[in-house]
All heavy atoms as atom14 arrays in JSON, in Angstrom:
{
  "sequence": "DFAKEFGSEKSSDILEAFNAVRKLGVVVAAI",
  "atom14_mask": [
    [1, 1, 1, 1, 1, 1, 1, 1, 0, 0, 0, 0, 0, 0],
    [1, 1, 1, 1, 1, 1, 1, 1, 1, 1, 1, 0, 0, 0],
    [1, 1, 1, 1, 1, 0, 0, 0, 0, 0, 0, 0, 0, 0],
    [1, 1, 1, 1, 1, 1, 1, 1, 1, 0, 0, 0, 0, 0],
    [1, 1, 1, 1, 1, 1, 1, 1, 1, 0, 0, 0, 0, 0],
    [1, 1, 1, 1, 1, 1, 1, 1, 1, 1, 1, 0, 0, 0],
    [1, 1, 1, 1, 0, 0, 0, 0, 0, 0, 0, 0, 0, 0],
    [1, 1, 1, 1, 1, 1, 0, 0, 0, 0, 0, 0, 0, 0],
    [1, 1, 1, 1, 1, 1, 1, 1, 1, 0, 0, 0, 0, 0],
    [1, 1, 1, 1, 1, 1, 1, 1, 1, 0, 0, 0, 0, 0],
    [1, 1, 1, 1, 1, 1, 0, 0, 0, 0, 0, 0, 0, 0],
    [1, 1, 1, 1, 1, 1, 0, 0, 0, 0, 0, 0, 0, 0],
    [1, 1, 1, 1, 1, 1, 1, 1, 0, 0, 0, 0, 0, 0],
    [1, 1, 1, 1, 1, 1, 1, 1, 0, 0, 0, 0, 0, 0],
    [1, 1, 1, 1, 1, 1, 1, 1, 0, 0, 0, 0, 0, 0],
    [1, 1, 1, 1, 1, 1, 1, 1, 1, 0, 0, 0, 0, 0],
    [1, 1, 1, 1, 1, 0, 0, 0, 0, 0, 0, 0, 0, 0],
    [1, 1, 1, 1, 1, 1, 1, 1, 1, 1, 1, 0, 0, 0],
    [1, 1, 1, 1, 1, 1, 1, 1, 0, 0, 0, 0, 0, 0],
    [1, 1, 1, 1, 1, 0, 0, 0, 0, 0, 0, 0, 0, 0],
    [1, 1, 1, 1, 1, 1, 1, 0, 0, 0, 0, 0, 0, 0],
    [1, 1, 1, 1, 1, 1, 1, 1, 1, 1, 1, 0, 0, 0],
    [1, 1, 1, 1, 1, 1, 1, 1, 1, 0, 0, 0, 0, 0],
    [1, 1, 1, 1, 1, 1, 1, 1, 0, 0, 0, 0, 0, 0],
    [1, 1, 1, 1, 0, 0, 0, 0, 0, 0, 0, 0, 0, 0],
    [1, 1, 1, 1, 1, 1, 1, 0, 0, 0, 0, 0, 0, 0],
    [1, 1, 1, 1, 1, 1, 1, 0, 0, 0, 0, 0, 0, 0],
    [1, 1, 1, 1, 1, 1, 1, 0, 0, 0, 0, 0, 0, 0],
    [1, 1, 1, 1, 1, 0, 0, 0, 0, 0, 0, 0, 0, 0],
    [1, 1, 1, 1, 1, 0, 0, 0, 0, 0, 0, 0, 0, 0],
    [1, 1, 1, 1, 1, 1, 1, 1, 0, 0, 0, 0, 0, 0]
  ],
  "atom14_positions": [
    [[33.14, 12.28, 26.84], [33.8, 12.75, 25.65], [35.12, 11.94, 25.46], [35.85, 12.24, 24.49], [34.18, 14.21, 25.77], [35.03, 14.53, 26.99], [35.07, 13.75, 27.94], [35.75, 15.54, 26.89], [0.0, 0.0, 0.0], [0.0, 0.0, 0.0], [0.0, 0.0, 0.0], [0.0, 0.0, 0.0], [0.0, 0.0, 0.0], [0.0, 0.0, 0.0]],
    [[35.4, 10.96, 26.24], [36.53, 10.07, 26.05], [36.48, 9.42, 24.73], [37.49, 9.11, 24.05], [36.55, 9.11, 27.2], [37.77, 8.04, 27.13], [39.08, 8.49, 27.4], [37.53, 6.72, 26.85], [40.06, 7.6, 27.34], [38.57, 5.83, 26.82], [39.85, 6.25, 27.04], [0.0, 0.0, 0.0], [0.0, 0.0, 0.0], [0.0, 0.0, 0.0]],
    [[35.23, 9.12, 24.28], [34.99, 8.49, 22.98], [35.42, 9.33, 21.81], [35.74, 8.81, 20.71], [33.55, 8.04, 22.89], [0.0, 0.0, 0.0], [0.0, 0.0, 0.0], [0.0, 0.0, 0.0], [0.0, 0.0, 0.0], [0.0, 0.0, 0.0], [0.0, 0.0, 0.0], [0.0, 0.0, 0.0], [0.0, 0.0, 0.0], [0.0, 0.0, 0.0]],
    [[35.4, 10.69, 21.94], [35.81, 11.5, 20.93], [37.24, 11.4, 20.57], [37.68, 11.59, 19.41], [35.49, 13.01, 21.28], [33.99, 13.32, 21.44], [33.79, 14.79, 21.83], [32.28, 15.04, 21.94], [31.97, 16.47, 22.39], [0.0, 0.0, 0.0], [0.0, 0.0, 0.0], [0.0, 0.0, 0.0], [0.0, 0.0, 0.0], [0.0, 0.0, 0.0]],
    [[38.13, 11.1, 21.62], [39.47, 10.99, 21.36], [39.9, 9.59, 20.79], [40.68, 9.49, 19.89], [40.27, 11.27, 22.66], [41.74, 11.15, 22.58], [42.37, 12.15, 21.65], [41.88, 13.27, 21.64], [43.3, 11.82, 20.95], [0.0, 0.0, 0.0], [0.0, 0.0, 0.0], [0.0, 0.0, 0.0], [0.0, 0.0, 0.0], [0.0, 0.0, 0.0]],
    [[39.27, 8.58, 21.35], [39.7, 7.15, 21.06], [38.67, 6.35, 20.18], [38.97, 5.29, 19.78], [39.93, 6.32, 22.31], [41.13, 6.86, 23.11], [41.0, 7.83, 24.11], [42.39, 6.33, 22.89], [42.05, 8.28, 24.82], [43.49, 6.8, 23.58], [43.37, 7.74, 24.61], [0.0, 0.0, 0.0], [0.0, 0.0, 0.0], [0.0, 0.0, 0.0]],
    [[37.58, 7.03, 19.8], [36.6, 6.38, 19.06], [35.59, 5.61, 19.98], [35.99, 5.1, 21.03], [0.0, 0.0, 0.0], [0.0, 0.0, 0.0], [0.0, 0.0, 0.0], [0.0, 0.0, 0.0], [0.0, 0.0, 0.0], [0.0, 0.0, 0.0], [0.0, 0.0, 0.0], [0.0, 0.0, 0.0], [0.0, 0.0, 0.0], [0.0, 0.0, 0.0]],
    [[34.35, 5.56, 19.57], [33.29, 5.0, 20.4], [33.58, 3.51, 20.69], [33.4, 3.0, 21.85], [31.93, 5.11, 19.71], [31.88, 4.5, 18.5], [0.0, 0.0, 0.0], [0.0, 0.0, 0.0], [0.0, 0.0, 0.0], [0.0, 0.0, 0.0], [0.0, 0.0, 0.0], [0.0, 0.0, 0.0], [0.0, 0.0, 0.0], [0.0, 0.0, 0.0]],
    [[33.96, 2.71, 19.69], [34.22, 1.34, 19.91], [35.35, 0.99, 20.83], [35.26, 0.28, 21.79], [34.34, 0.55, 18.54], [34.52, -0.92, 18.67], [34.64, -1.6, 17.33], [34.47, -0.95, 16.23], [34.94, -2.84, 17.29], [0.0, 0.0, 0.0], [0.0, 0.0, 0.0], [0.0, 0.0, 0.0], [0.0, 0.0, 0.0], [0.0, 0.0, 0.0]],
    [[36.48, 1.68, 20.59], [37.67, 1.5, 21.39], [37.48, 1.98, 22.84], [37.82, 1.23, 23.74], [38.9, 2.2, 20.79], [40.24, 1.86, 21.46], [40.59, 0.44, 21.32], [41.91, 0.09, 21.89], [42.34, -1.35, 21.75], [0.0, 0.0, 0.0], [0.0, 0.0, 0.0], [0.0, 0.0, 0.0], [0.0, 0.0, 0.0], [0.0, 0.0, 0.0]],
    [[36.8, 3.18, 22.97], [36.63, 3.68, 24.31], [35.64, 2.75, 25.07], [35.8, 2.57, 26.31], [35.99, 5.12, 24.23], [34.8, 5.09, 23.63], [0.0, 0.0, 0.0], [0.0, 0.0, 0.0], [0.0, 0.0, 0.0], [0.0, 0.0, 0.0], [0.0, 0.0, 0.0], [0.0, 0.0, 0.0], [0.0, 0.0, 0.0], [0.0, 0.0, 0.0]],
    [[34.66, 2.22, 24.43], [33.76, 1.29, 25.04], [34.42, 0.11, 25.57], [34.19, -0.39, 26.65], [32.61, 0.94, 24.07], [31.7, 0.02, 24.69], [0.0, 0.0, 0.0], [0.0, 0.0, 0.0], [0.0, 0.0, 0.0], [0.0, 0.0, 0.0], [0.0, 0.0, 0.0], [0.0, 0.0, 0.0], [0.0, 0.0, 0.0], [0.0, 0.0, 0.0]],
    [[35.36, -0.45, 24.69], [36.14, -1.63, 25.1], [37.04, -1.33, 26.39], [37.14, -2.18, 27.29], [37.02, -2.15, 24.03], [36.22, -2.68, 22.87], [35.0, -3.06, 23.03], [36.68, -2.84, 21.7], [0.0, 0.0, 0.0], [0.0, 0.0, 0.0], [0.0, 0.0, 0.0], [0.0, 0.0, 0.0], [0.0, 0.0, 0.0], [0.0, 0.0, 0.0]],
    [[37.62, -0.13, 26.3], [38.57, 0.22, 27.47], [37.75, 0.33, 28.76], [38.2, -0.12, 29.79], [39.29, 1.53, 27.15], [40.26, 1.24, 25.89], [40.04, 2.05, 28.36], [40.94, 2.55, 25.49], [0.0, 0.0, 0.0], [0.0, 0.0, 0.0], [0.0, 0.0, 0.0], [0.0, 0.0, 0.0], [0.0, 0.0, 0.0], [0.0, 0.0, 0.0]],
    [[36.57, 1.05, 28.69], [35.78, 1.26, 29.92], [35.19, -0.09, 30.36], [35.04, -0.26, 31.61], [34.73, 2.3, 29.65], [35.21, 3.68, 29.4], [34.0, 4.65, 29.13], [35.98, 4.16, 30.68], [0.0, 0.0, 0.0], [0.0, 0.0, 0.0], [0.0, 0.0, 0.0], [0.0, 0.0, 0.0], [0.0, 0.0, 0.0], [0.0, 0.0, 0.0]],
    [[34.82, -0.94, 29.46], [34.33, -2.25, 29.93], [35.41, -3.01, 30.58], [35.14, -3.75, 31.55], [33.78, -3.0, 28.71], [32.47, -2.55, 28.16], [32.03, -3.35, 27.04], [32.67, -4.32, 26.59], [30.93, -3.01, 26.39], [0.0, 0.0, 0.0], [0.0, 0.0, 0.0], [0.0, 0.0, 0.0], [0.0, 0.0, 0.0], [0.0, 0.0, 0.0]],
    [[36.68, -2.94, 30.02], [37.79, -3.59, 30.72], [37.98, -3.03, 32.11], [38.28, -3.76, 33.08], [39.12, -3.5, 29.86], [0.0, 0.0, 0.0], [0.0, 0.0, 0.0], [0.0, 0.0, 0.0], [0.0, 0.0, 0.0], [0.0, 0.0, 0.0], [0.0, 0.0, 0.0], [0.0, 0.0, 0.0], [0.0, 0.0, 0.0], [0.0, 0.0, 0.0]],
    [[37.91, -1.68, 32.22], [38.08, -0.99, 33.53], [37.04, -1.58, 34.57], [37.42, -1.95, 35.7], [37.94, 0.45, 33.41], [37.83, 1.15, 34.7], [38.96, 1.51, 35.44], [36.57, 1.65, 35.21], [38.91, 2.24, 36.61], [36.52, 2.39, 36.37], [37.71, 2.57, 37.08], [0.0, 0.0, 0.0], [0.0, 0.0, 0.0], [0.0, 0.0, 0.0]],
    [[35.81, -1.64, 34.12], [34.75, -2.16, 34.98], [34.89, -3.58, 35.36], [34.8, -4.07, 36.5], [33.42, -1.93, 34.37], [32.84, -0.53, 34.48], [33.08, 0.14, 35.51], [32.24, -0.01, 33.46], [0.0, 0.0, 0.0], [0.0, 0.0, 0.0], [0.0, 0.0, 0.0], [0.0, 0.0, 0.0], [0.0, 0.0, 0.0], [0.0, 0.0, 0.0]],
    [[35.32, -4.44, 34.4], [35.56, -5.84, 34.62], [36.71, -6.09, 35.59], [36.55, -6.91, 36.53], [35.8, -6.57, 33.34], [0.0, 0.0, 0.0], [0.0, 0.0, 0.0], [0.0, 0.0, 0.0], [0.0, 0.0, 0.0], [0.0, 0.0, 0.0], [0.0, 0.0, 0.0], [0.0, 0.0, 0.0], [0.0, 0.0, 0.0], [0.0, 0.0, 0.0]],
    [[37.8, -5.38, 35.4], [38.99, -5.59, 36.22], [38.72, -5.15, 37.66], [39.11, -5.79, 38.63], [40.3, -4.96, 35.6], [41.41, -5.0, 36.59], [40.64, -5.59, 34.33], [0.0, 0.0, 0.0], [0.0, 0.0, 0.0], [0.0, 0.0, 0.0], [0.0, 0.0, 0.0], [0.0, 0.0, 0.0], [0.0, 0.0, 0.0], [0.0, 0.0, 0.0]],
    [[38.07, -4.04, 37.75], [37.82, -3.54, 39.19], [36.8, -4.34, 39.86], [36.84, -4.32, 41.12], [37.27, -2.03, 39.1], [35.88, -1.86, 38.56], [35.51, -0.4, 38.63], [35.41, 0.08, 40.02], [34.3, 0.02, 40.72], [33.21, -0.45, 40.26], [34.27, 0.46, 42.0], [0.0, 0.0, 0.0], [0.0, 0.0, 0.0], [0.0, 0.0, 0.0]],
    [[36.0, -5.14, 39.21], [35.09, -6.02, 39.83], [35.69, -7.39, 40.18], [35.36, -7.99, 41.24], [33.73, -6.16, 39.02], [32.99, -4.91, 38.96], [31.92, -4.98, 37.88], [31.12, -3.62, 37.8], [30.14, -3.64, 36.66], [0.0, 0.0, 0.0], [0.0, 0.0, 0.0], [0.0, 0.0, 0.0], [0.0, 0.0, 0.0], [0.0, 0.0, 0.0]],
    [[36.44, -7.85, 39.28], [37.05, -9.2, 39.44], [38.37, -9.24, 40.16], [38.8, -10.21, 40.69], [37.23, -9.89, 38.1], [35.94, -10.08, 37.24], [36.19, -10.67, 35.92], [34.81, -10.9, 37.99], [0.0, 0.0, 0.0], [0.0, 0.0, 0.0], [0.0, 0.0, 0.0], [0.0, 0.0, 0.0], [0.0, 0.0, 0.0], [0.0, 0.0, 0.0]],
    [[39.05, -8.09, 40.26], [40.37, -8.02, 40.77], [40.41, -8.09, 42.31], [41.5, -8.2, 42.87], [0.0, 0.0, 0.0], [0.0, 0.0, 0.0], [0.0, 0.0, 0.0], [0.0, 0.0, 0.0], [0.0, 0.0, 0.0], [0.0, 0.0, 0.0], [0.0, 0.0, 0.0], [0.0, 0.0, 0.0], [0.0, 0.0, 0.0], [0.0, 0.0, 0.0]],
    [[39.25, -8.1, 42.95], [39.24, -8.21, 44.42], [39.8, -9.53, 44.86], [40.36, -9.56, 45.97], [37.79, -8.01, 44.99], [37.36, -6.57, 44.9], [36.82, -8.88, 44.29], [0.0, 0.0, 0.0], [0.0, 0.0, 0.0], [0.0, 0.0, 0.0], [0.0, 0.0, 0.0], [0.0, 0.0, 0.0], [0.0, 0.0, 0.0], [0.0, 0.0, 0.0]],
    [[39.67, -10.52, 44.11], [40.3, -11.78, 44.54], [41.85, -11.69, 44.56], [42.47, -12.32, 45.42], [39.73, -12.93, 43.67], [40.44, -12.95, 42.24], [40.09, -14.37, 44.29], [0.0, 0.0, 0.0], [0.0, 0.0, 0.0], [0.0, 0.0, 0.0], [0.0, 0.0, 0.0], [0.0, 0.0, 0.0], [0.0, 0.0, 0.0], [0.0, 0.0, 0.0]],
    [[42.44, -10.97, 43.66], [43.84, -10.76, 43.66], [44.23, -9.98, 44.87], [45.23, -10.25, 45.55], [44.22, -9.96, 42.37], [45.8, -9.73, 42.42], [43.95, -10.76, 41.15], [0.0, 0.0, 0.0], [0.0, 0.0, 0.0], [0.0, 0.0, 0.0], [0.0, 0.0, 0.0], [0.0, 0.0, 0.0], [0.0, 0.0, 0.0], [0.0, 0.0, 0.0]],
    [[43.4, -8.92, 45.24], [43.65, -8.08, 46.4], [43.56, -8.98, 47.7], [44.37, -8.86, 48.61], [42.64, -6.97, 46.45], [0.0, 0.0, 0.0], [0.0, 0.0, 0.0], [0.0, 0.0, 0.0], [0.0, 0.0, 0.0], [0.0, 0.0, 0.0], [0.0, 0.0, 0.0], [0.0, 0.0, 0.0], [0.0, 0.0, 0.0], [0.0, 0.0, 0.0]],
    [[42.68, -9.94, 47.72], [42.51, -10.83, 48.93], [43.68, -11.68, 49.02], [44.15, -11.84, 50.19], [41.26, -11.67, 48.68], [0.0, 0.0, 0.0], [0.0, 0.0, 0.0], [0.0, 0.0, 0.0], [0.0, 0.0, 0.0], [0.0, 0.0, 0.0], [0.0, 0.0, 0.0], [0.0, 0.0, 0.0], [0.0, 0.0, 0.0], [0.0, 0.0, 0.0]],
    [[44.19, -12.25, 47.98], [45.42, -13.13, 48.01], [46.62, -12.35, 48.49], [47.38, -12.76, 49.38], [45.67, -13.76, 46.69], [44.51, -14.75, 46.3], [47.04, -14.5, 46.71], [44.65, -15.31, 44.94], [0.0, 0.0, 0.0], [0.0, 0.0, 0.0], [0.0, 0.0, 0.0], [0.0, 0.0, 0.0], [0.0, 0.0, 0.0], [0.0, 0.0, 0.0]]
  ]
}
């Protein structure tokens, strides 16, 4: 229901960014 507050397109972009950063950010954690 996060999409009801922020709209389907915007919420999709935010959640995609969350997934991308949590997967790629491990190299920052390693450094």
